């Protein structure tokens, strides 16, 4: 072969038969609607690996699902369930 030589290769490609199917499931996601408990484990390895100021775990509490902070000086009336029982 030389630099300017042209080569012709005759070949054919056969496409395989491809079948595809999609299944749609319309069931609702499984949710725990009977137990209101929420938990999170904050282990020492997590605290060491995160860029925390002072290496304390208290700021991580705010990341736990279900935790709500009430600012100091805020009235609790209307926020807590009726405890007159």
PDB file of N, CA and C in Angstrom:
ATOM      1  N   UNK A   1       0.839  -1.187   0.000  1.00  0.00           N
ATOM      2  CA  UNK A   1       0.000   0.000   0.000  1.00  0.00           C
ATOM      3  C   UNK A   1       0.877   1.240   0.000  1.00  0.00           C
ATOM      4  N   UNK A   2       0.470   2.208  -0.766  1.00  0.00           N
ATOM      5  CA  UNK A   2       1.146   3.503  -0.761  1.00  0.00           C
ATOM      6  C   UNK A   2       0.306   4.503   0.017  1.00  0.00           C
ATOM      7  N   UNK A   3       0.887   5.661   0.183  1.00  0.00           N
ATOM      8  CA  UNK A   3       0.227   6.699   0.980  1.00  0.00           C
ATOM      9  C   UNK A   3      -1.066   7.160   0.325  1.00  0.00           C
ATOM     10  N   UNK A   4      -1.109   7.366  -0.937  1.00  0.00           N
ATOM     11  CA  UNK A   4      -2.288   7.910  -1.618  1.00  0.00           C
ATOM     12  C   UNK A   4      -3.215   6.821  -2.145  1.00  0.00           C
ATOM     13  N   UNK A   5      -2.925   5.570  -1.891  1.00  0.00           N
ATOM     14  CA  UNK A   5      -3.729   4.475  -2.420  1.00  0.00           C
ATOM     15  C   UNK A   5      -5.086   4.407  -1.709  1.00  0.00           C
ATOM     16  N   UNK A   6      -6.131   4.121  -2.472  1.00  0.00           N
ATOM     17  CA  UNK A   6      -7.468   3.974  -1.909  1.00  0.00           C
ATOM     18  C   UNK A   6      -7.815   2.495  -1.863  1.00  0.00           C
ATOM     19  N   UNK A   7      -8.418   2.082  -0.777  1.00  0.00           N
ATOM     20  CA  UNK A   7      -8.799   0.684  -0.629  1.00  0.00           C
ATOM     21  C   UNK A   7     -10.309   0.598  -0.471  1.00  0.00           C
ATOM     22  N   UNK A   8     -10.913  -0.352  -1.128  1.00  0.00           N
ATOM     23  CA  UNK A   8     -12.352  -0.591  -1.018  1.00  0.00           C
ATOM     24  C   UNK A   8     -12.559  -1.924  -0.325  1.00  0.00           C
ATOM     25  N   UNK A   9     -13.392  -1.912   0.675  1.00  0.00           N
ATOM     26  CA  UNK A   9     -13.755  -3.138   1.367  1.00  0.00           C
ATOM     27  C   UNK A   9     -15.262  -3.288   1.279  1.00  0.00           C
ATOM     28  N   UNK A  10     -15.709  -4.337   0.689  1.00  0.00           N
ATOM     29  CA  UNK A  10     -17.138  -4.591   0.574  1.00  0.00           C
ATOM     30  C   UNK A  10     -17.555  -5.546   1.684  1.00  0.00           C
ATOM     31  N   UNK A  11     -18.472  -5.097   2.519  1.00  0.00           N
ATOM     32  CA  UNK A  11     -19.004  -5.939   3.585  1.00  0.00           C
ATOM     33  C   UNK A  11     -20.411  -5.483   3.910  1.00  0.00           C
ATOM     34  N   UNK A  12     -21.139  -6.327   4.584  1.00  0.00           N
ATOM     35  CA  UNK A  12     -22.509  -5.968   4.963  1.00  0.00           C
ATOM     36  C   UNK A  12     -22.678  -6.215   6.457  1.00  0.00           C
ATOM     37  N   UNK A  13     -23.476  -5.390   7.058  1.00  0.00           N
ATOM     38  CA  UNK A  13     -23.787  -5.508   8.483  1.00  0.00           C
ATOM     39  C   UNK A  13     -25.208  -6.031   8.618  1.00  0.00           C
ATOM     40  N   UNK A  14     -25.352  -7.019   9.434  1.00  0.00           N
ATOM     41  CA  UNK A  14     -26.687  -7.541   9.702  1.00  0.00           C
ATOM     42  C   UNK A  14     -27.106  -7.097  11.093  1.00  0.00           C
ATOM     43  N   UNK A  15     -28.258  -6.497  11.150  1.00  0.00           N
ATOM     44  CA  UNK A  15     -28.766  -6.029  12.428  1.00  0.00           C
ATOM     45  C   UNK A  15     -29.505  -7.168  13.131  1.00  0.00           C
ATOM     46  N   UNK A  16     -29.187  -7.375  14.389  1.00  0.00           N
ATOM     47  CA  UNK A  16     -29.911  -8.417  15.121  1.00  0.00           C
ATOM     48  C   UNK A  16     -31.327  -7.955  15.446  1.00  0.00           C
ATOM     49  N   UNK A  17     -32.186  -8.913  15.680  1.00  0.00           N
ATOM     50  CA  UNK A  17     -33.560  -8.593  16.079  1.00  0.00           C
ATOM     51  C   UNK A  17     -33.542  -8.255  17.566  1.00  0.00           C
ATOM     52  N   UNK A  18     -33.985  -7.059  17.876  1.00  0.00           N
ATOM     53  CA  UNK A  18     -33.980  -6.589  19.261  1.00  0.00           C
ATOM     54  C   UNK A  18     -35.424  -6.407  19.701  1.00  0.00           C
ATOM     55  N   UNK A  19     -35.743  -6.993  20.824  1.00  0.00           N
ATOM     56  CA  UNK A  19     -37.072  -6.782  21.390  1.00  0.00           C
ATOM     57  C   UNK A  19     -36.903  -6.100  22.736  1.00  0.00           C
ATOM     58  N   UNK A  20     -37.766  -5.178  22.998  1.00  0.00           N
ATOM     59  CA  UNK A  20     -37.710  -4.422  24.228  1.00  0.00           C
ATOM     60  C   UNK A  20     -39.092  -4.379  24.839  1.00  0.00           C
ATOM     61  N   UNK A  21     -39.153  -4.436  26.153  1.00  0.00           N
ATOM     62  CA  UNK A  21     -40.453  -4.310  26.811  1.00  0.00           C
ATOM     63  C   UNK A  21     -40.297  -3.403  28.024  1.00  0.00           C
ATOM     64  N   UNK A  22     -41.352  -2.681  28.307  1.00  0.00           N
ATOM     65  CA  UNK A  22     -41.389  -1.775  29.456  1.00  0.00           C
ATOM     66  C   UNK A  22     -42.587  -2.167  30.307  1.00  0.00           C
ATOM     67  N   UNK A  23     -42.344  -2.368  31.593  1.00  0.00           N
ATOM     68  CA  UNK A  23     -43.421  -2.711  32.512  1.00  0.00           C
ATOM     69  C   UNK A  23     -43.653  -1.535  33.450  1.00  0.00           C
ATOM     70  N   UNK A  24     -44.886  -1.079  33.532  1.00  0.00           N
ATOM     71  CA  UNK A  24     -45.250   0.023  34.409  1.00  0.00           C
ATOM     72  C   UNK A  24     -46.074  -0.537  35.550  1.00  0.00           C
ATOM     73  N   UNK A  25     -45.606  -0.281  36.769  1.00  0.00           N
ATOM     74  CA  UNK A  25     -46.304  -0.755  37.953  1.00  0.00           C
ATOM     75  C   UNK A  25     -46.946   0.449  38.624  1.00  0.00           C
ATOM     76  N   UNK A  26     -48.230   0.392  38.869  1.00  0.00           N
ATOM     77  CA  UNK A  26     -48.926   1.550  39.419  1.00  0.00           C
ATOM     78  C   UNK A  26     -49.219   1.422  40.911  1.00  0.00           C
ATOM     79  N   UNK A  27     -48.475   0.579  41.621  1.00  0.00           N
ATOM     80  CA  UNK A  27     -48.687   0.455  43.057  1.00  0.00           C
ATOM     81  C   UNK A  27     -48.073   1.652  43.776  1.00  0.00           C
ATOM     82  N   UNK A  28     -48.695   2.017  44.873  1.00  0.00           N
ATOM     83  CA  UNK A  28     -48.181   3.129  45.678  1.00  0.00           C
ATOM     84  C   UNK A  28     -46.917   2.697  46.406  1.00  0.00           C
ATOM     85  N   UNK A  29     -46.080   3.663  46.707  1.00  0.00           N
ATOM     86  CA  UNK A  29     -44.851   3.381  47.453  1.00  0.00           C
ATOM     87  C   UNK A  29     -45.212   2.924  48.866  1.00  0.00           C
ATOM     88  N   UNK A  30     -44.390   2.053  49.415  1.00  0.00           N
ATOM     89  CA  UNK A  30     -44.640   1.551  50.756  1.00  0.00           C
ATOM     90  C   UNK A  30     -44.190   2.588  51.788  1.00  0.00           C
ATOM     91  N   UNK A  31     -45.129   3.054  52.559  1.00  0.00           N
ATOM     92  CA  UNK A  31     -44.849   4.035  53.609  1.00  0.00           C
ATOM     93  C   UNK A  31     -45.272   3.468  54.945  1.00  0.00           C
ATOM     94  N   UNK A  32     -44.527   3.800  55.960  1.00  0.00           N
ATOM     95  CA  UNK A  32     -44.883   3.398  57.309  1.00  0.00           C
ATOM     96  C   UNK A  32     -45.856   4.446  57.847  1.00  0.00           C
ATOM     97  N   UNK A  33     -47.142   4.138  57.816  1.00  0.00           N
ATOM     98  CA  UNK A  33     -48.150   5.101  58.267  1.00  0.00           C
ATOM     99  C   UNK A  33     -48.640   4.812  59.679  1.00  0.00           C
ATOM    100  N   UNK A  34     -48.062   3.825  60.351  1.00  0.00           N
ATOM    101  CA  UNK A  34     -48.526   3.476  61.692  1.00  0.00           C
ATOM    102  C   UNK A  34     -47.552   3.880  62.784  1.00  0.00           C
ATOM    103  N   UNK A  35     -46.283   4.066  62.464  1.00  0.00           N
ATOM    104  CA  UNK A  35     -45.283   4.365  63.475  1.00  0.00           C
ATOM    105  C   UNK A  35     -44.625   5.709  63.168  1.00  0.00           C
ATOM    106  N   UNK A  36     -44.785   6.711  64.029  1.00  0.00           N
ATOM    107  CA  UNK A  36     -44.219   8.033  63.741  1.00  0.00           C
ATOM    108  C   UNK A  36     -42.736   8.158  64.101  1.00  0.00           C
ATOM    109  N   UNK A  37     -42.113   7.074  64.522  1.00  0.00           N
ATOM    110  CA  UNK A  37     -40.723   7.154  64.976  1.00  0.00           C
ATOM    111  C   UNK A  37     -39.777   7.447  63.819  1.00  0.00           C
ATOM    112  N   UNK A  38     -38.830   8.335  64.074  1.00  0.00           N
ATOM    113  CA  UNK A  38     -37.777   8.672  63.130  1.00  0.00           C
ATOM    114  C   UNK A  38     -36.472   8.587  63.890  1.00  0.00           C
ATOM    115  N   UNK A  39     -35.463   7.996  63.280  1.00  0.00           N
ATOM    116  CA  UNK A  39     -34.190   7.907  63.991  1.00  0.00           C
ATOM    117  C   UNK A  39     -33.041   8.151  63.032  1.00  0.00           C
ATOM    118  N   UNK A  40     -31.946   8.591  63.591  1.00  0.00           N
ATOM    119  CA  UNK A  40     -30.711   8.799  62.851  1.00  0.00           C
ATOM    120  C   UNK A  40     -29.557   8.432  63.759  1.00  0.00           C
ATOM    121  N   UNK A  41     -28.576   7.758  63.203  1.00  0.00           N
ATOM    122  CA  UNK A  41     -27.392   7.397  63.977  1.00  0.00           C
ATOM    123  C   UNK A  41     -26.248   8.291  63.517  1.00  0.00           C
ATOM    124  N   UNK A  42     -25.652   9.002  64.463  1.00  0.00           N
ATOM    125  CA  UNK A  42     -24.496   9.841  64.185  1.00  0.00           C
ATOM    126  C   UNK A  42     -23.312   9.176  64.860  1.00  0.00           C
ATOM    127  N   UNK A  43     -22.500   8.504  64.059  1.00  0.00           N
ATOM    128  CA  UNK A  43     -21.373   7.782  64.633  1.00  0.00           C
ATOM    129  C   UNK A  43     -20.106   8.637  64.598  1.00  0.00           C
ATOM    130  N   UNK A  44     -19.103   8.280  65.399  1.00  0.00           N
ATOM    131  CA  UNK A  44     -17.870   9.083  65.456  1.00  0.00           C
ATOM    132  C   UNK A  44     -17.175   9.221  64.104  1.00  0.00           C
ATOM    133  N   UNK A  45     -17.250   8.198  63.260  1.00  0.00           N
ATOM    134  CA  UNK A  45     -16.604   8.273  61.943  1.00  0.00           C
ATOM    135  C   UNK A  45     -17.253   9.360  61.090  1.00  0.00           C
ATOM    136  N   UNK A  46     -18.584   9.488  61.154  1.00  0.00           N
ATOM    137  CA  UNK A  46     -19.287  10.533  60.419  1.00  0.00           C
ATOM    138  C   UNK A  46     -18.841  11.907  60.901  1.00  0.00           C
ATOM    139  N   UNK A  47     -18.732  12.073  62.208  1.00  0.00           N
ATOM    140  CA  UNK A  47     -18.322  13.363  62.775  1.00  0.00           C
ATOM    141  C   UNK A  47     -16.895  13.702  62.350  1.00  0.00           C
ATOM    142  N   UNK A  48     -16.011  12.711  62.320  1.00  0.00           N
ATOM    143  CA  UNK A  48     -14.616  12.959  61.943  1.00  0.00           C
ATOM    144  C   UNK A  48     -14.470  13.294  60.464  1.00  0.00           C
ATOM    145  N   UNK A  49     -15.316  12.742  59.614  1.00  0.00           N
ATOM    146  CA  UNK A  49     -15.185  12.946  58.172  1.00  0.00           C
ATOM    147  C   UNK A  49     -15.870  14.203  57.665  1.00  0.00           C
ATOM    148  N   UNK A  50     -16.756  14.785  58.446  1.00  0.00           N
ATOM    149  CA  UNK A  50     -17.455  15.987  57.999  1.00  0.00           C
ATOM    150  C   UNK A  50     -16.695  17.227  58.436  1.00  0.00           C
ATOM    151  N   UNK A  51     -16.746  18.289  57.624  1.00  0.00           N
ATOM    152  CA  UNK A  51     -16.058  19.532  58.002  1.00  0.00           C
ATOM    153  C   UNK A  51     -16.859  20.310  59.046  1.00  0.00           C
ATOM    154  N   UNK A  52     -16.768  19.878  60.293  1.00  0.00           N
ATOM    155  CA  UNK A  52     -17.517  20.513  61.372  1.00  0.00           C
ATOM    156  C   UNK A  52     -16.610  21.472  62.132  1.00  0.00           C
ATOM    157  N   UNK A  53     -17.154  22.585  62.519  1.00  0.00           N
ATOM    158  CA  UNK A  53     -16.405  23.561  63.304  1.00  0.00           C
ATOM    159  C   UNK A  53     -16.355  23.086  64.746  1.00  0.00           C
ATOM    160  N   UNK A  54     -15.193  22.662  65.212  1.00  0.00           N
ATOM    161  CA  UNK A  54     -15.053  22.209  66.580  1.00  0.00           C
ATOM    162  C   UNK A  54     -15.315  20.723  66.761  1.00  0.00           C
ATOM    163  N   UNK A  55     -15.650  20.011  65.704  1.00  0.00           N
ATOM    164  CA  UNK A  55     -15.884  18.568  65.759  1.00  0.00           C
ATOM    165  C   UNK A  55     -16.969  18.171  66.753  1.00  0.00           C
ATOM    166  N   UNK A  56     -18.038  18.930  66.838  1.00  0.00           N
ATOM    167  CA  UNK A  56     -19.154  18.575  67.699  1.00  0.00           C
ATOM    168  C   UNK A  56     -20.309  18.068  66.830  1.00  0.00           C
ATOM    169  N   UNK A  57     -21.139  17.238  67.415  1.00  0.00           N
ATOM    170  CA  UNK A  57     -22.232  16.643  66.660  1.00  0.00           C
ATOM    171  C   UNK A  57     -23.524  17.455  66.738  1.00  0.00           C
ATOM    172  N   UNK A  58     -23.598  18.471  67.580  1.00  0.00           N
ATOM    173  CA  UNK A  58     -24.851  19.204  67.755  1.00  0.00           C
ATOM    174  C   UNK A  58     -25.411  19.797  66.461  1.00  0.00           C
ATOM    175  N   UNK A  59     -24.595  20.363  65.562  1.00  0.00           N
ATOM    176  CA  UNK A  59     -25.189  20.876  64.309  1.00  0.00           C
ATOM    177  C   UNK A  59     -25.797  19.784  63.448  1.00  0.00           C
ATOM    178  N   UNK A  60     -25.356  18.542  63.622  1.00  0.00           N
ATOM    179  CA  UNK A  60     -25.915  17.453  62.826  1.00  0.00           C
ATOM    180  C   UNK A  60     -27.330  17.101  63.254  1.00  0.00           C
ATOM    181  N   UNK A  61     -27.716  17.468  64.458  1.00  0.00           N
ATOM    182  CA  UNK A  61     -29.069  17.175  64.930  1.00  0.00           C
ATOM    183  C   UNK A  61     -30.099  17.857  64.038  1.00  0.00           C
ATOM    184  N   UNK A  62     -29.776  19.041  63.542  1.00  0.00           N
ATOM    185  CA  UNK A  62     -30.706  19.769  62.678  1.00  0.00           C
ATOM    186  C   UNK A  62     -30.933  19.047  61.353  1.00  0.00           C
ATOM    187  N   UNK A  63     -30.039  18.149  60.964  1.00  0.00           N
ATOM    188  CA  UNK A  63     -30.188  17.418  59.710  1.00  0.00           C
ATOM    189  C   UNK A  63     -31.052  16.178  59.846  1.00  0.00           C
ATOM    190  N   UNK A  64     -31.429  15.828  61.069  1.00  0.00           N
ATOM    191  CA  UNK A  64     -32.233  14.637  61.308  1.00  0.00           C
ATOM    192  C   UNK A  64     -33.670  14.887  60.866  1.00  0.00           C
ATOM    193  N   UNK A  65     -34.265  13.963  60.115  1.00  0.00           N
ATOM    194  CA  UNK A  65     -35.659  14.143  59.697  1.00  0.00           C
ATOM    195  C   UNK A  65     -36.590  14.252  60.891  1.00  0.00           C
ATOM    196  N   UNK A  66     -37.504  15.202  60.846  1.00  0.00           N
ATOM    197  CA  UNK A  66     -38.488  15.368  61.902  1.00  0.00           C
ATOM    198  C   UNK A  66     -38.073  16.316  63.009  1.00  0.00           C
ATOM    199  N   UNK A  67     -36.860  16.840  62.977  1.00  0.00           N
ATOM    200  CA  UNK A  67     -36.392  17.748  64.020  1.00  0.00           C
ATOM    201  C   UNK A  67     -36.783  19.170  63.639  1.00  0.00           C
ATOM    202  N   UNK A  68     -37.399  19.873  64.567  1.00  0.00           N
ATOM    203  CA  UNK A  68     -37.778  21.268  64.383  1.00  0.00           C
ATOM    204  C   UNK A  68     -37.215  22.077  65.521  1.00  0.00           C
ATOM    205  N   UNK A  69     -36.511  23.135  65.217  1.00  0.00           N
ATOM    206  CA  UNK A  69     -35.972  24.015  66.240  1.00  0.00           C
ATOM    207  C   UNK A  69     -36.903  25.202  66.424  1.00  0.00           C
ATOM    208  N   UNK A  70     -37.159  25.539  67.677  1.00  0.00           N
ATOM    209  CA  UNK A  70     -37.972  26.697  68.003  1.00  0.00           C
ATOM    210  C   UNK A  70     -37.028  27.747  68.573  1.00  0.00           C
ATOM    211  N   UNK A  71     -36.927  28.910  67.945  1.00  0.00           N
ATOM    212  CA  UNK A  71     -36.006  29.953  68.423  1.00  0.00           C
ATOM    213  C   UNK A  71     -36.315  30.368  69.858  1.00  0.00           C
ATOM    214  N   UNK A  72     -35.275  30.750  70.580  1.00  0.00           N
ATOM    215  CA  UNK A  72     -35.418  31.190  71.964  1.00  0.00           C
ATOM    216  C   UNK A  72     -36.298  32.433  71.989  1.00  0.00           C
ATOM    217  N   UNK A  73     -37.201  32.485  72.937  1.00  0.00           N
ATOM    218  CA  UNK A  73     -38.091  33.637  73.080  1.00  0.00           C
ATOM    219  C   UNK A  73     -39.378  33.499  72.282  1.00  0.00           C
ATOM    220  N   UNK A  74     -39.547  32.421  71.557  1.00  0.00           N
ATOM    221  CA  UNK A  74     -40.765  32.202  70.780  1.00  0.00           C
ATOM    222  C   UNK A  74     -41.827  31.588  71.681  1.00  0.00           C
ATOM    223  N   UNK A  75     -43.044  32.068  71.569  1.00  0.00           N
ATOM    224  CA  UNK A  75     -44.133  31.523  72.354  1.00  0.00           C
ATOM    225  C   UNK A  75     -44.497  30.132  71.831  1.00  0.00           C
ATOM    226  N   UNK A  76     -44.728  29.204  72.726  1.00  0.00           N
ATOM    227  CA  UNK A  76     -45.075  27.847  72.342  1.00  0.00           C
ATOM    228  C   UNK A  76     -46.570  27.645  72.202  1.00  0.00           C
ATOM    229  N   UNK A  77     -47.376  28.656  72.498  1.00  0.00           N
ATOM    230  CA  UNK A  77     -48.825  28.490  72.396  1.00  0.00           C
ATOM    231  C   UNK A  77     -49.214  28.256  70.938  1.00  0.00           C
ATOM    232  N   UNK A  78     -49.984  27.253  70.721  1.00  0.00           N
ATOM    233  CA  UNK A  78     -50.421  26.904  69.378  1.00  0.00           C
ATOM    234  C   UNK A  78     -49.465  25.928  68.692  1.00  0.00           C
ATOM    235  N   UNK A  79     -48.270  25.739  69.244  1.00  0.00           N
ATOM    236  CA  UNK A  79     -47.312  24.825  68.632  1.00  0.00           C
ATOM    237  C   UNK A  79     -47.343  23.446  69.281  1.00  0.00           C
ATOM    238  N   UNK A  80     -47.748  23.374  70.549  1.00  0.00           N
ATOM    239  CA  UNK A  80     -47.743  22.113  71.265  1.00  0.00           C
ATOM    240  C   UNK A  80     -49.156  21.580  71.360  1.00  0.00           C
ATOM    241  N   UNK A  81     -49.305  20.252  71.450  1.00  0.00           N
ATOM    242  CA  UNK A  81     -50.642  19.689  71.629  1.00  0.00           C
ATOM    243  C   UNK A  81     -51.242  20.124  72.973  1.00  0.00           C
ATOM    244  N   UNK A  82     -52.547  20.116  73.049  1.00  0.00           N
ATOM    245  CA  UNK A  82     -53.234  20.527  74.265  1.00  0.00           C
ATOM    246  C   UNK A  82     -52.877  19.564  75.394  1.00  0.00           C
ATOM    247  N   UNK A  83     -52.290  20.075  76.480  1.00  0.00           N
ATOM    248  CA  UNK A  83     -51.859  19.230  77.609  1.00  0.00           C
ATOM    249  C   UNK A  83     -52.769  19.433  78.808  1.00  0.00           C
ATOM    250  N   UNK A  84     -54.020  19.810  78.592  1.00  0.00           N
ATOM    251  CA  UNK A  84     -54.924  20.052  79.715  1.00  0.00           C
ATOM    252  C   UNK A  84     -55.600  18.775  80.169  1.00  0.00           C
ATOM    253  N   UNK A  85     -55.089  17.621  79.794  1.00  0.00           N
ATOM    254  CA  UNK A  85     -55.726  16.347  80.164  1.00  0.00           C
ATOM    255  C   UNK A  85     -55.433  16.013  81.604  1.00  0.00           C
TER     256      UNK A  85
END
